[in-house]
């Protein structure tokens, strides 16, 4: 009797590449004001925990630009 043990290769997981915040903002620059404020509140919480770091400064600038675009689009 012959016993064949085969290894079947199956995909365990599919890695999804998320687009960067900049790509998403360029694709749909008109977000509603309420969504922009919600995102800004979350961003500010993150920034507060990393105050003084370069990454926090960059995130704050991105947050400001997002709010300006949303404000302009609302009016």
PDB file of N, CA and C in Angstrom:
ATOM      1  N   UNK A   1       0.848  -1.173   0.000  1.00  0.00           N
ATOM      2  CA  UNK A   1       0.000   0.000   0.000  1.00  0.00           C
ATOM      3  C   UNK A   1       0.893   1.236   0.000  1.00  0.00           C
ATOM      4  N   UNK A   2       0.581   2.142  -0.890  1.00  0.00           N
ATOM      5  CA  UNK A   2       1.350   3.391  -0.972  1.00  0.00           C
ATOM      6  C   UNK A   2       0.508   4.522  -0.397  1.00  0.00           C
ATOM      7  N   UNK A   3       1.147   5.305   0.397  1.00  0.00           N
ATOM      8  CA  UNK A   3       0.466   6.429   1.038  1.00  0.00           C
ATOM      9  C   UNK A   3       1.063   7.717   0.484  1.00  0.00           C
ATOM     10  N   UNK A   4       0.241   8.499  -0.118  1.00  0.00           N
ATOM     11  CA  UNK A   4       0.691   9.775  -0.667  1.00  0.00           C
ATOM     12  C   UNK A   4       0.195  10.893   0.255  1.00  0.00           C
ATOM     13  N   UNK A   5       1.124  11.612   0.728  1.00  0.00           N
ATOM     14  CA  UNK A   5       0.768  12.773   1.547  1.00  0.00           C
ATOM     15  C   UNK A   5       1.126  14.008   0.735  1.00  0.00           C
ATOM     16  N   UNK A   6       0.140  14.693   0.331  1.00  0.00           N
ATOM     17  CA  UNK A   6       0.369  15.890  -0.478  1.00  0.00           C
ATOM     18  C   UNK A   6       0.121  17.147   0.339  1.00  0.00           C
ATOM     19  N   UNK A   7       0.906  18.121   0.064  1.00  0.00           N
ATOM     20  CA  UNK A   7       0.719  19.415   0.718  1.00  0.00           C
ATOM     21  C   UNK A   7      -0.008  20.299  -0.280  1.00  0.00           C
ATOM     22  N   UNK A   8      -1.165  20.686   0.098  1.00  0.00           N
ATOM     23  CA  UNK A   8      -1.953  21.550  -0.765  1.00  0.00           C
ATOM     24  C   UNK A   8      -1.689  22.995  -0.365  1.00  0.00           C
ATOM     25  N   UNK A   9      -1.243  23.746  -1.281  1.00  0.00           N
ATOM     26  CA  UNK A   9      -0.931  25.143  -0.972  1.00  0.00           C
ATOM     27  C   UNK A   9      -2.185  25.981  -1.121  1.00  0.00           C
ATOM     28  N   UNK A  10      -2.556  26.573  -0.027  1.00  0.00           N
ATOM     29  CA  UNK A  10      -3.711  27.463  -0.035  1.00  0.00           C
ATOM     30  C   UNK A  10      -3.294  28.801   0.548  1.00  0.00           C
ATOM     31  N   UNK A  11      -3.971  29.769   0.140  1.00  0.00           N
ATOM     32  CA  UNK A  11      -3.696  31.117   0.616  1.00  0.00           C
ATOM     33  C   UNK A  11      -4.269  31.262   2.021  1.00  0.00           C
ATOM     34  N   UNK A  12      -3.427  31.634   2.963  1.00  0.00           N
ATOM     35  CA  UNK A  12      -3.867  31.782   4.351  1.00  0.00           C
ATOM     36  C   UNK A  12      -4.580  33.110   4.578  1.00  0.00           C
ATOM     37  N   UNK A  13      -4.080  34.139   3.947  1.00  0.00           N
ATOM     38  CA  UNK A  13      -4.680  35.460   4.130  1.00  0.00           C
ATOM     39  C   UNK A  13      -4.341  36.319   2.933  1.00  0.00           C
ATOM     40  N   UNK A  14      -5.154  37.262   2.700  1.00  0.00           N
ATOM     41  CA  UNK A  14      -4.880  38.211   1.629  1.00  0.00           C
ATOM     42  C   UNK A  14      -4.556  39.548   2.264  1.00  0.00           C
ATOM     43  N   UNK A  15      -3.407  40.067   1.931  1.00  0.00           N
ATOM     44  CA  UNK A  15      -2.965  41.338   2.492  1.00  0.00           C
ATOM     45  C   UNK A  15      -3.560  42.464   1.653  1.00  0.00           C
ATOM     46  N   UNK A  16      -4.238  43.341   2.316  1.00  0.00           N
ATOM     47  CA  UNK A  16      -4.871  44.468   1.646  1.00  0.00           C
ATOM     48  C   UNK A  16      -4.008  45.701   1.867  1.00  0.00           C
ATOM     49  N   UNK A  17      -3.604  46.318   0.796  1.00  0.00           N
ATOM     50  CA  UNK A  17      -2.794  47.533   0.881  1.00  0.00           C
ATOM     51  C   UNK A  17      -3.726  48.731   0.997  1.00  0.00           C
ATOM     52  N   UNK A  18      -3.683  49.395   2.131  1.00  0.00           N
ATOM     53  CA  UNK A  18      -4.487  50.594   2.309  1.00  0.00           C
ATOM     54  C   UNK A  18      -3.822  51.763   1.604  1.00  0.00           C
ATOM     55  N   UNK A  19      -4.651  52.598   1.040  1.00  0.00           N
ATOM     56  CA  UNK A  19      -4.117  53.781   0.376  1.00  0.00           C
ATOM     57  C   UNK A  19      -3.752  54.817   1.425  1.00  0.00           C
ATOM     58  N   UNK A  20      -2.797  55.657   1.083  1.00  0.00           N
ATOM     59  CA  UNK A  20      -2.368  56.693   2.031  1.00  0.00           C
ATOM     60  C   UNK A  20      -3.456  57.744   2.172  1.00  0.00           C
ATOM     61  N   UNK A  21      -3.380  58.484   3.248  1.00  0.00           N
ATOM     62  CA  UNK A  21      -4.345  59.548   3.505  1.00  0.00           C
ATOM     63  C   UNK A  21      -4.317  60.573   2.373  1.00  0.00           C
ATOM     64  N   UNK A  22      -3.128  60.869   1.868  1.00  0.00           N
ATOM     65  CA  UNK A  22      -2.992  61.848   0.790  1.00  0.00           C
ATOM     66  C   UNK A  22      -3.716  61.361  -0.464  1.00  0.00           C
ATOM     67  N   UNK A  23      -3.557  60.073  -0.815  1.00  0.00           N
ATOM     68  CA  UNK A  23      -4.244  59.524  -1.986  1.00  0.00           C
ATOM     69  C   UNK A  23      -5.752  59.615  -1.828  1.00  0.00           C
ATOM     70  N   UNK A  24      -6.250  59.294  -0.658  1.00  0.00           N
ATOM     71  CA  UNK A  24      -7.685  59.341  -0.422  1.00  0.00           C
ATOM     72  C   UNK A  24      -8.221  60.769  -0.506  1.00  0.00           C
ATOM     73  N   UNK A  25      -7.477  61.716   0.033  1.00  0.00           N
ATOM     74  CA  UNK A  25      -7.922  63.108   0.012  1.00  0.00           C
ATOM     75  C   UNK A  25      -7.911  63.675  -1.404  1.00  0.00           C
ATOM     76  N   UNK A  26      -6.923  63.276  -2.205  1.00  0.00           N
ATOM     77  CA  UNK A  26      -6.865  63.754  -3.578  1.00  0.00           C
ATOM     78  C   UNK A  26      -7.991  63.171  -4.409  1.00  0.00           C
ATOM     79  N   UNK A  27      -8.398  61.948  -4.103  1.00  0.00           N
ATOM     80  CA  UNK A  27      -9.441  61.282  -4.864  1.00  0.00           C
ATOM     81  C   UNK A  27     -10.815  61.866  -4.583  1.00  0.00           C
ATOM     82  N   UNK A  28     -11.124  62.141  -3.331  1.00  0.00           N
ATOM     83  CA  UNK A  28     -12.428  62.703  -2.982  1.00  0.00           C
ATOM     84  C   UNK A  28     -12.235  63.881  -2.030  1.00  0.00           C
ATOM     85  N   UNK A  29     -11.909  65.039  -2.575  1.00  0.00           N
ATOM     86  CA  UNK A  29     -11.612  66.191  -1.720  1.00  0.00           C
ATOM     87  C   UNK A  29     -12.835  66.781  -1.032  1.00  0.00           C
ATOM     88  N   UNK A  30     -14.042  66.478  -1.516  1.00  0.00           N
ATOM     89  CA  UNK A  30     -15.246  67.070  -0.943  1.00  0.00           C
ATOM     90  C   UNK A  30     -15.874  66.129   0.067  1.00  0.00           C
ATOM     91  N   UNK A  31     -15.465  66.275   1.323  1.00  0.00           N
ATOM     92  CA  UNK A  31     -16.114  65.519   2.388  1.00  0.00           C
ATOM     93  C   UNK A  31     -16.990  66.490   3.146  1.00  0.00           C
ATOM     94  N   UNK A  32     -18.032  65.949   3.756  1.00  0.00           N
ATOM     95  CA  UNK A  32     -18.928  66.854   4.457  1.00  0.00           C
ATOM     96  C   UNK A  32     -18.270  67.367   5.737  1.00  0.00           C
ATOM     97  N   UNK A  33     -18.754  68.488   6.185  1.00  0.00           N
ATOM     98  CA  UNK A  33     -18.158  69.183   7.330  1.00  0.00           C
ATOM     99  C   UNK A  33     -18.223  68.345   8.601  1.00  0.00           C
ATOM    100  N   UNK A  34     -19.308  67.629   8.814  1.00  0.00           N
ATOM    101  CA  UNK A  34     -19.453  66.810  10.019  1.00  0.00           C
ATOM    102  C   UNK A  34     -18.408  65.688  10.043  1.00  0.00           C
ATOM    103  N   UNK A  35     -18.177  65.040   8.906  1.00  0.00           N
ATOM    104  CA  UNK A  35     -17.163  63.992   8.822  1.00  0.00           C
ATOM    105  C   UNK A  35     -15.772  64.564   9.062  1.00  0.00           C
ATOM    106  N   UNK A  36     -15.512  65.746   8.522  1.00  0.00           N
ATOM    107  CA  UNK A  36     -14.209  66.389   8.708  1.00  0.00           C
ATOM    108  C   UNK A  36     -13.962  66.714  10.173  1.00  0.00           C
ATOM    109  N   UNK A  37     -14.984  67.204  10.853  1.00  0.00           N
ATOM    110  CA  UNK A  37     -14.827  67.525  12.276  1.00  0.00           C
ATOM    111  C   UNK A  37     -14.587  66.251  13.081  1.00  0.00           C
ATOM    112  N   UNK A  38     -15.320  65.196  12.765  1.00  0.00           N
ATOM    113  CA  UNK A  38     -15.127  63.917  13.448  1.00  0.00           C
ATOM    114  C   UNK A  38     -13.695  63.411  13.267  1.00  0.00           C
ATOM    115  N   UNK A  39     -13.196  63.446  12.036  1.00  0.00           N
ATOM    116  CA  UNK A  39     -11.821  63.009  11.764  1.00  0.00           C
ATOM    117  C   UNK A  39     -10.811  63.903  12.474  1.00  0.00           C
ATOM    118  N   UNK A  40     -11.079  65.190  12.509  1.00  0.00           N
ATOM    119  CA  UNK A  40     -10.163  66.131  13.162  1.00  0.00           C
ATOM    120  C   UNK A  40     -10.077  65.869  14.661  1.00  0.00           C
ATOM    121  N   UNK A  41     -11.200  65.559  15.277  1.00  0.00           N
ATOM    122  CA  UNK A  41     -11.186  65.252  16.714  1.00  0.00           C
ATOM    123  C   UNK A  41     -10.305  64.042  16.979  1.00  0.00           C
ATOM    124  N   UNK A  42     -10.446  63.001  16.160  1.00  0.00           N
ATOM    125  CA  UNK A  42      -9.609  61.800  16.339  1.00  0.00           C
ATOM    126  C   UNK A  42      -8.141  62.125  16.083  1.00  0.00           C
ATOM    127  N   UNK A  43      -7.877  62.919  15.040  1.00  0.00           N
ATOM    128  CA  UNK A  43      -6.489  63.313  14.753  1.00  0.00           C
ATOM    129  C   UNK A  43      -5.888  64.085  15.931  1.00  0.00           C
ATOM    130  N   UNK A  44      -6.647  65.005  16.491  1.00  0.00           N
ATOM    131  CA  UNK A  44      -6.141  65.810  17.598  1.00  0.00           C
ATOM    132  C   UNK A  44      -5.838  64.971  18.833  1.00  0.00           C
ATOM    133  N   UNK A  45      -6.626  63.925  19.052  1.00  0.00           N
ATOM    134  CA  UNK A  45      -6.313  63.011  20.159  1.00  0.00           C
ATOM    135  C   UNK A  45      -4.968  62.335  19.932  1.00  0.00           C
ATOM    136  N   UNK A  46      -4.739  61.887  18.684  1.00  0.00           N
ATOM    137  CA  UNK A  46      -3.447  61.267  18.351  1.00  0.00           C
ATOM    138  C   UNK A  46      -2.302  62.256  18.513  1.00  0.00           C
ATOM    139  N   UNK A  47      -2.509  63.462  18.019  1.00  0.00           N
ATOM    140  CA  UNK A  47      -1.475  64.497  18.074  1.00  0.00           C
ATOM    141  C   UNK A  47      -1.130  64.822  19.529  1.00  0.00           C
ATOM    142  N   UNK A  48      -2.135  64.882  20.367  1.00  0.00           N
ATOM    143  CA  UNK A  48      -1.919  65.210  21.780  1.00  0.00           C
ATOM    144  C   UNK A  48      -0.983  64.213  22.453  1.00  0.00           C
ATOM    145  N   UNK A  49      -1.083  62.937  22.098  1.00  0.00           N
ATOM    146  CA  UNK A  49      -0.229  61.927  22.726  1.00  0.00           C
ATOM    147  C   UNK A  49       1.193  61.959  22.203  1.00  0.00           C
ATOM    148  N   UNK A  50       1.405  62.584  21.030  1.00  0.00           N
ATOM    149  CA  UNK A  50       2.756  62.640  20.453  1.00  0.00           C
ATOM    150  C   UNK A  50       3.236  64.066  20.284  1.00  0.00           C
ATOM    151  N   UNK A  51       2.805  64.934  21.141  1.00  0.00           N
ATOM    152  CA  UNK A  51       3.135  66.363  21.036  1.00  0.00           C
ATOM    153  C   UNK A  51       4.646  66.565  20.977  1.00  0.00           C
ATOM    154  N   UNK A  52       5.083  67.389  20.049  1.00  0.00           N
ATOM    155  CA  UNK A  52       6.494  67.706  19.918  1.00  0.00           C
ATOM    156  C   UNK A  52       7.218  66.857  18.883  1.00  0.00           C
ATOM    157  N   UNK A  53       6.601  65.776  18.412  1.00  0.00           N
ATOM    158  CA  UNK A  53       7.216  64.931  17.396  1.00  0.00           C
ATOM    159  C   UNK A  53       6.911  65.470  16.000  1.00  0.00           C
ATOM    160  N   UNK A  54       7.794  65.204  15.069  1.00  0.00           N
ATOM    161  CA  UNK A  54       7.603  65.641  13.684  1.00  0.00           C
ATOM    162  C   UNK A  54       6.339  65.014  13.088  1.00  0.00           C
ATOM    163  N   UNK A  55       6.081  63.747  13.395  1.00  0.00           N
ATOM    164  CA  UNK A  55       4.891  63.078  12.866  1.00  0.00           C
ATOM    165  C   UNK A  55       3.614  63.782  13.329  1.00  0.00           C
ATOM    166  N   UNK A  56       3.609  64.287  14.542  1.00  0.00           N
ATOM    167  CA  UNK A  56       2.448  65.006  15.063  1.00  0.00           C
ATOM    168  C   UNK A  56       2.261  66.329  14.324  1.00  0.00           C
ATOM    169  N   UNK A  57       3.360  66.997  14.028  1.00  0.00           N
ATOM    170  CA  UNK A  57       3.273  68.254  13.283  1.00  0.00           C
ATOM    171  C   UNK A  57       2.699  68.012  11.884  1.00  0.00           C
ATOM    172  N   UNK A  58       3.149  66.959  11.231  1.00  0.00           N
ATOM    173  CA  UNK A  58       2.657  66.628   9.886  1.00  0.00           C
ATOM    174  C   UNK A  58       1.173  66.277   9.943  1.00  0.00           C
ATOM    175  N   UNK A  59       0.778  65.481  10.945  1.00  0.00           N
ATOM    176  CA  UNK A  59      -0.621  65.106  11.079  1.00  0.00           C
ATOM    177  C   UNK A  59      -1.486  66.335  11.350  1.00  0.00           C
ATOM    178  N   UNK A  60      -0.990  67.267  12.137  1.00  0.00           N
ATOM    179  CA  UNK A  60      -1.737  68.499  12.419  1.00  0.00           C
ATOM    180  C   UNK A  60      -1.929  69.313  11.146  1.00  0.00           C
ATOM    181  N   UNK A  61      -0.912  69.397  10.317  1.00  0.00           N
ATOM    182  CA  UNK A  61      -1.017  70.131   9.047  1.00  0.00           C
ATOM    183  C   UNK A  61      -2.029  69.467   8.117  1.00  0.00           C
ATOM    184  N   UNK A  62      -2.002  68.132   8.029  1.00  0.00           N
ATOM    185  CA  UNK A  62      -2.965  67.406   7.199  1.00  0.00           C
ATOM    186  C   UNK A  62      -4.385  67.613   7.719  1.00  0.00           C
ATOM    187  N   UNK A  63      -4.529  67.625   9.019  1.00  0.00           N
ATOM    188  CA  UNK A  63      -5.828  67.841   9.641  1.00  0.00           C
ATOM    189  C   UNK A  63      -6.359  69.236   9.297  1.00  0.00           C
ATOM    190  N   UNK A  64      -5.499  70.231   9.406  1.00  0.00           N
ATOM    191  CA  UNK A  64      -5.901  71.609   9.080  1.00  0.00           C
ATOM    192  C   UNK A  64      -6.339  71.728   7.631  1.00  0.00           C
ATOM    193  N   UNK A  65      -5.577  71.132   6.718  1.00  0.00           N
ATOM    194  CA  UNK A  65      -5.922  71.187   5.295  1.00  0.00           C
ATOM    195  C   UNK A  65      -7.259  70.497   5.016  1.00  0.00           C
ATOM    196  N   UNK A  66      -7.495  69.363   5.666  1.00  0.00           N
ATOM    197  CA  UNK A  66      -8.753  68.640   5.500  1.00  0.00           C
ATOM    198  C   UNK A  66      -9.921  69.500   5.959  1.00  0.00           C
ATOM    199  N   UNK A  67      -9.767  70.148   7.121  1.00  0.00           N
ATOM    200  CA  UNK A  67     -10.841  71.001   7.629  1.00  0.00           C
ATOM    201  C   UNK A  67     -11.086  72.196   6.713  1.00  0.00           C
ATOM    202  N   UNK A  68     -10.036  72.791   6.187  1.00  0.00           N
ATOM    203  CA  UNK A  68     -10.195  73.921   5.265  1.00  0.00           C
ATOM    204  C   UNK A  68     -10.943  73.500   4.005  1.00  0.00           C
ATOM    205  N   UNK A  69     -10.599  72.341   3.441  1.00  0.00           N
ATOM    206  CA  UNK A  69     -11.283  71.855   2.231  1.00  0.00           C
ATOM    207  C   UNK A  69     -12.752  71.574   2.527  1.00  0.00           C
ATOM    208  N   UNK A  70     -13.035  70.944   3.654  1.00  0.00           N
ATOM    209  CA  UNK A  70     -14.416  70.633   4.009  1.00  0.00           C
ATOM    210  C   UNK A  70     -15.216  71.907   4.238  1.00  0.00           C
ATOM    211  N   UNK A  71     -14.618  72.884   4.892  1.00  0.00           N
ATOM    212  CA  UNK A  71     -15.290  74.158   5.141  1.00  0.00           C
ATOM    213  C   UNK A  71     -15.592  74.871   3.830  1.00  0.00           C
ATOM    214  N   UNK A  72     -14.592  74.923   2.946  1.00  0.00           N
ATOM    215  CA  UNK A  72     -14.792  75.574   1.647  1.00  0.00           C
ATOM    216  C   UNK A  72     -15.868  74.871   0.817  1.00  0.00           C
ATOM    217  N   UNK A  73     -15.887  73.555   0.863  1.00  0.00           N
ATOM    218  CA  UNK A  73     -16.870  72.792   0.095  1.00  0.00           C
ATOM    219  C   UNK A  73     -18.291  72.964   0.649  1.00  0.00           C
ATOM    220  N   UNK A  74     -18.388  73.248   1.955  1.00  0.00           N
ATOM    221  CA  UNK A  74     -19.706  73.401   2.580  1.00  0.00           C
ATOM    222  C   UNK A  74     -20.361  74.729   2.190  1.00  0.00           C
ATOM    223  N   UNK A  75     -19.558  75.691   1.745  1.00  0.00           N
ATOM    224  CA  UNK A  75     -20.116  77.001   1.418  1.00  0.00           C
ATOM    225  C   UNK A  75     -19.911  77.386   0.002  1.00  0.00           C
TER     226      UNK A  75
END
